Amino acid sequence: MRTPPKQGRPKRQGMKGMSISSGDKRPTKQGAGMTAKGVAKYRRQNPGSKLQTAVTGKVKPGSKDAKRRKSFCARSAGQMKQFPKAAKNPNSRLRQARRRWKC
């Protein structure tokens, strides 16, 4: 006898179906990262997600946005260490996203 499937949260989709041509992600030349449209689509596909767009403007020191920026810059600095090939290439998505976030 088969056991019934577990009830609970639906499986997350991740970045499946996100593309530059559909306007969900920025091309590398425009700073990489996701657009507001892409973030909205991701949040529809993944209920409960807290994904937000990049912090690109001026922020007050100690504000929520400043803390998000500091956290992203720290995480992406770790990615720079983990992926030296991308770290050396000024046109990589990693480097472009760091530039957009003003890291």
C-alpha atoms as a PDB file:
ATOM      1  CA  MET A   1       0.000   0.000   0.000  1.00  0.00           C
ATOM      2  CA  ARG A   2       1.333   3.432  -0.954  1.00  0.00           C
ATOM      3  CA  THR A   3       1.614   6.249   1.535  1.00  0.00           C
ATOM      4  CA  PRO A   4      -0.145   9.478   0.581  1.00  0.00           C
ATOM      5  CA  PRO A   5       2.058  12.396  -0.495  1.00  0.00           C
ATOM      6  CA  LYS A   6       3.098  14.806   2.246  1.00  0.00           C
ATOM      7  CA  GLN A   7       1.061  17.948   2.582  1.00  0.00           C
ATOM      8  CA  GLY A   8       2.946  21.155   3.197  1.00  0.00           C
ATOM      9  CA  ARG A   9       4.721  23.927   1.411  1.00  0.00           C
ATOM     10  CA  PRO A  10       4.919  23.624  -2.361  1.00  0.00           C
ATOM     11  CA  LYS A  11       8.350  22.975  -3.820  1.00  0.00           C
ATOM     12  CA  ARG A  12      10.208  26.188  -4.646  1.00  0.00           C
ATOM     13  CA  GLN A  13      10.918  26.972  -8.278  1.00  0.00           C
ATOM     14  CA  GLY A  14      14.173  28.873  -7.768  1.00  0.00           C
ATOM     15  CA  MET A  15      15.392  30.825 -10.784  1.00  0.00           C
ATOM     16  CA  LYS A  16      13.741  28.463 -13.268  1.00  0.00           C
ATOM     17  CA  GLY A  17      12.095  30.424 -16.068  1.00  0.00           C
ATOM     18  CA  MET A  18      13.980  33.662 -15.369  1.00  0.00           C
ATOM     19  CA  SER A  19      15.759  35.177 -18.342  1.00  0.00           C
ATOM     20  CA  ILE A  20      17.210  38.408 -19.626  1.00  0.00           C
ATOM     21  CA  SER A  21      15.007  38.384 -22.734  1.00  0.00           C
ATOM     22  CA  SER A  22      11.817  38.232 -20.645  1.00  0.00           C
ATOM     23  CA  GLY A  23      12.970  41.245 -18.610  1.00  0.00           C
ATOM     24  CA  ASP A  24      13.415  39.321 -15.349  1.00  0.00           C
ATOM     25  CA  LYS A  25      17.185  39.796 -15.132  1.00  0.00           C
ATOM     26  CA  ARG A  26      19.448  42.638 -16.195  1.00  0.00           C
ATOM     27  CA  PRO A  27      22.093  42.007 -18.833  1.00  0.00           C
ATOM     28  CA  THR A  28      25.658  42.093 -17.550  1.00  0.00           C
ATOM     29  CA  LYS A  29      26.320  45.434 -19.251  1.00  0.00           C
ATOM     30  CA  GLN A  30      23.486  47.017 -17.257  1.00  0.00           C
ATOM     31  CA  GLY A  31      24.815  45.795 -13.923  1.00  0.00           C
ATOM     32  CA  ALA A  32      23.492  42.221 -13.720  1.00  0.00           C
ATOM     33  CA  GLY A  33      20.976  41.361 -10.963  1.00  0.00           C
ATOM     34  CA  MET A  34      17.202  41.094 -11.096  1.00  0.00           C
ATOM     35  CA  THR A  35      14.689  43.694 -12.195  1.00  0.00           C
ATOM     36  CA  ALA A  36      11.624  44.651 -10.148  1.00  0.00           C
ATOM     37  CA  LYS A  37       9.547  42.589 -12.616  1.00  0.00           C
ATOM     38  CA  GLY A  38      11.800  39.572 -12.028  1.00  0.00           C
ATOM     39  CA  VAL A  39      11.579  39.924  -8.255  1.00  0.00           C
ATOM     40  CA  ALA A  40       7.771  40.099  -8.435  1.00  0.00           C
ATOM     41  CA  LYS A  41       7.700  36.962 -10.625  1.00  0.00           C
ATOM     42  CA  TYR A  42      10.047  35.103  -8.250  1.00  0.00           C
ATOM     43  CA  ARG A  43       7.891  36.020  -5.246  1.00  0.00           C
ATOM     44  CA  ARG A  44       4.756  34.772  -7.026  1.00  0.00           C
ATOM     45  CA  GLN A  45       6.465  31.452  -7.797  1.00  0.00           C
ATOM     46  CA  ASN A  46       7.902  31.132  -4.270  1.00  0.00           C
ATOM     47  CA  PRO A  47       5.322  32.200  -1.678  1.00  0.00           C
ATOM     48  CA  GLY A  48       6.880  33.443   1.544  1.00  0.00           C
ATOM     49  CA  SER A  49      10.013  34.702  -0.223  1.00  0.00           C
ATOM     50  CA  LYS A  50      11.514  37.958   1.022  1.00  0.00           C
ATOM     51  CA  LEU A  51      13.603  38.669  -2.084  1.00  0.00           C
ATOM     52  CA  GLN A  52      14.122  42.373  -2.818  1.00  0.00           C
ATOM     53  CA  THR A  53      15.837  44.382  -5.534  1.00  0.00           C
ATOM     54  CA  ALA A  54      19.349  45.805  -5.163  1.00  0.00           C
ATOM     55  CA  VAL A  55      20.142  48.779  -2.929  1.00  0.00           C
ATOM     56  CA  THR A  56      21.558  51.216  -5.476  1.00  0.00           C
ATOM     57  CA  GLY A  57      20.897  54.724  -4.158  1.00  0.00           C
ATOM     58  CA  LYS A  58      22.296  56.722  -1.274  1.00  0.00           C
ATOM     59  CA  VAL A  59      21.496  55.298   2.148  1.00  0.00           C
ATOM     60  CA  LYS A  60      21.781  56.603   5.683  1.00  0.00           C
ATOM     61  CA  PRO A  61      24.484  54.831   7.710  1.00  0.00           C
ATOM     62  CA  GLY A  62      22.934  52.177   9.954  1.00  0.00           C
ATOM     63  CA  SER A  63      19.623  52.078   8.045  1.00  0.00           C
ATOM     64  CA  LYS A  64      17.997  48.817   6.935  1.00  0.00           C
ATOM     65  CA  ASP A  65      19.188  49.354   3.365  1.00  0.00           C
ATOM     66  CA  ALA A  66      22.730  50.071   4.524  1.00  0.00           C
ATOM     67  CA  LYS A  67      22.732  46.799   6.456  1.00  0.00           C
ATOM     68  CA  ARG A  68      21.409  44.907   3.413  1.00  0.00           C
ATOM     69  CA  ARG A  69      24.160  46.409   1.274  1.00  0.00           C
ATOM     70  CA  LYS A  70      26.842  45.545   3.822  1.00  0.00           C
ATOM     71  CA  SER A  71      25.526  41.973   4.046  1.00  0.00           C
ATOM     72  CA  PHE A  72      25.425  41.534   0.242  1.00  0.00           C
ATOM     73  CA  CYS A  73      28.930  42.951  -0.134  1.00  0.00           C
ATOM     74  CA  ALA A  74      30.243  40.543   2.506  1.00  0.00           C
ATOM     75  CA  ARG A  75      28.539  37.548   0.833  1.00  0.00           C
ATOM     76  CA  SER A  76      29.715  38.500  -2.621  1.00  0.00           C
ATOM     77  CA  ALA A  77      33.261  39.061  -1.337  1.00  0.00           C
ATOM     78  CA  GLY A  78      33.177  35.394  -0.318  1.00  0.00           C
ATOM     79  CA  GLN A  79      32.043  34.501  -3.845  1.00  0.00           C
ATOM     80  CA  MET A  80      34.994  36.472  -5.219  1.00  0.00           C
ATOM     81  CA  LYS A  81      37.298  34.211  -3.199  1.00  0.00           C
ATOM     82  CA  GLN A  82      35.450  31.062  -4.240  1.00  0.00           C
ATOM     83  CA  PHE A  83      35.362  31.931  -7.955  1.00  0.00           C
ATOM     84  CA  PRO A  84      38.700  33.572  -8.824  1.00  0.00           C
ATOM     85  CA  LYS A  85      37.996  33.355 -12.567  1.00  0.00           C
ATOM     86  CA  ALA A  86      34.886  35.544 -12.162  1.00  0.00           C
ATOM     87  CA  ALA A  87      36.726  37.830  -9.751  1.00  0.00           C
ATOM     88  CA  LYS A  88      39.404  38.571 -12.356  1.00  0.00           C
ATOM     89  CA  ASN A  89      36.929  39.271 -15.164  1.00  0.00           C
ATOM     90  CA  PRO A  90      35.550  42.846 -14.861  1.00  0.00           C
ATOM     91  CA  ASN A  91      32.565  41.884 -17.066  1.00  0.00           C
ATOM     92  CA  SER A  92      31.428  38.880 -14.990  1.00  0.00           C
ATOM     93  CA  ARG A  93      27.938  38.969 -13.481  1.00  0.00           C
ATOM     94  CA  LEU A  94      29.487  38.860 -10.014  1.00  0.00           C
ATOM     95  CA  ARG A  95      31.661  41.937 -10.585  1.00  0.00           C
ATOM     96  CA  GLN A  96      28.864  43.823 -12.347  1.00  0.00           C
ATOM     97  CA  ALA A  97      26.411  43.096  -9.529  1.00  0.00           C
ATOM     98  CA  ARG A  98      28.969  44.276  -6.945  1.00  0.00           C
ATOM     99  CA  ARG A  99      29.395  47.472  -8.928  1.00  0.00           C
ATOM    100  CA  ARG A 100      25.630  47.980  -9.059  1.00  0.00           C
ATOM    101  CA  TRP A 101      25.363  47.471  -5.277  1.00  0.00           C
ATOM    102  CA  LYS A 102      28.310  49.910  -4.806  1.00  0.00           C
ATOM    103  CA  CYS A 103      30.514  47.388  -2.996  1.00  0.00           C
END
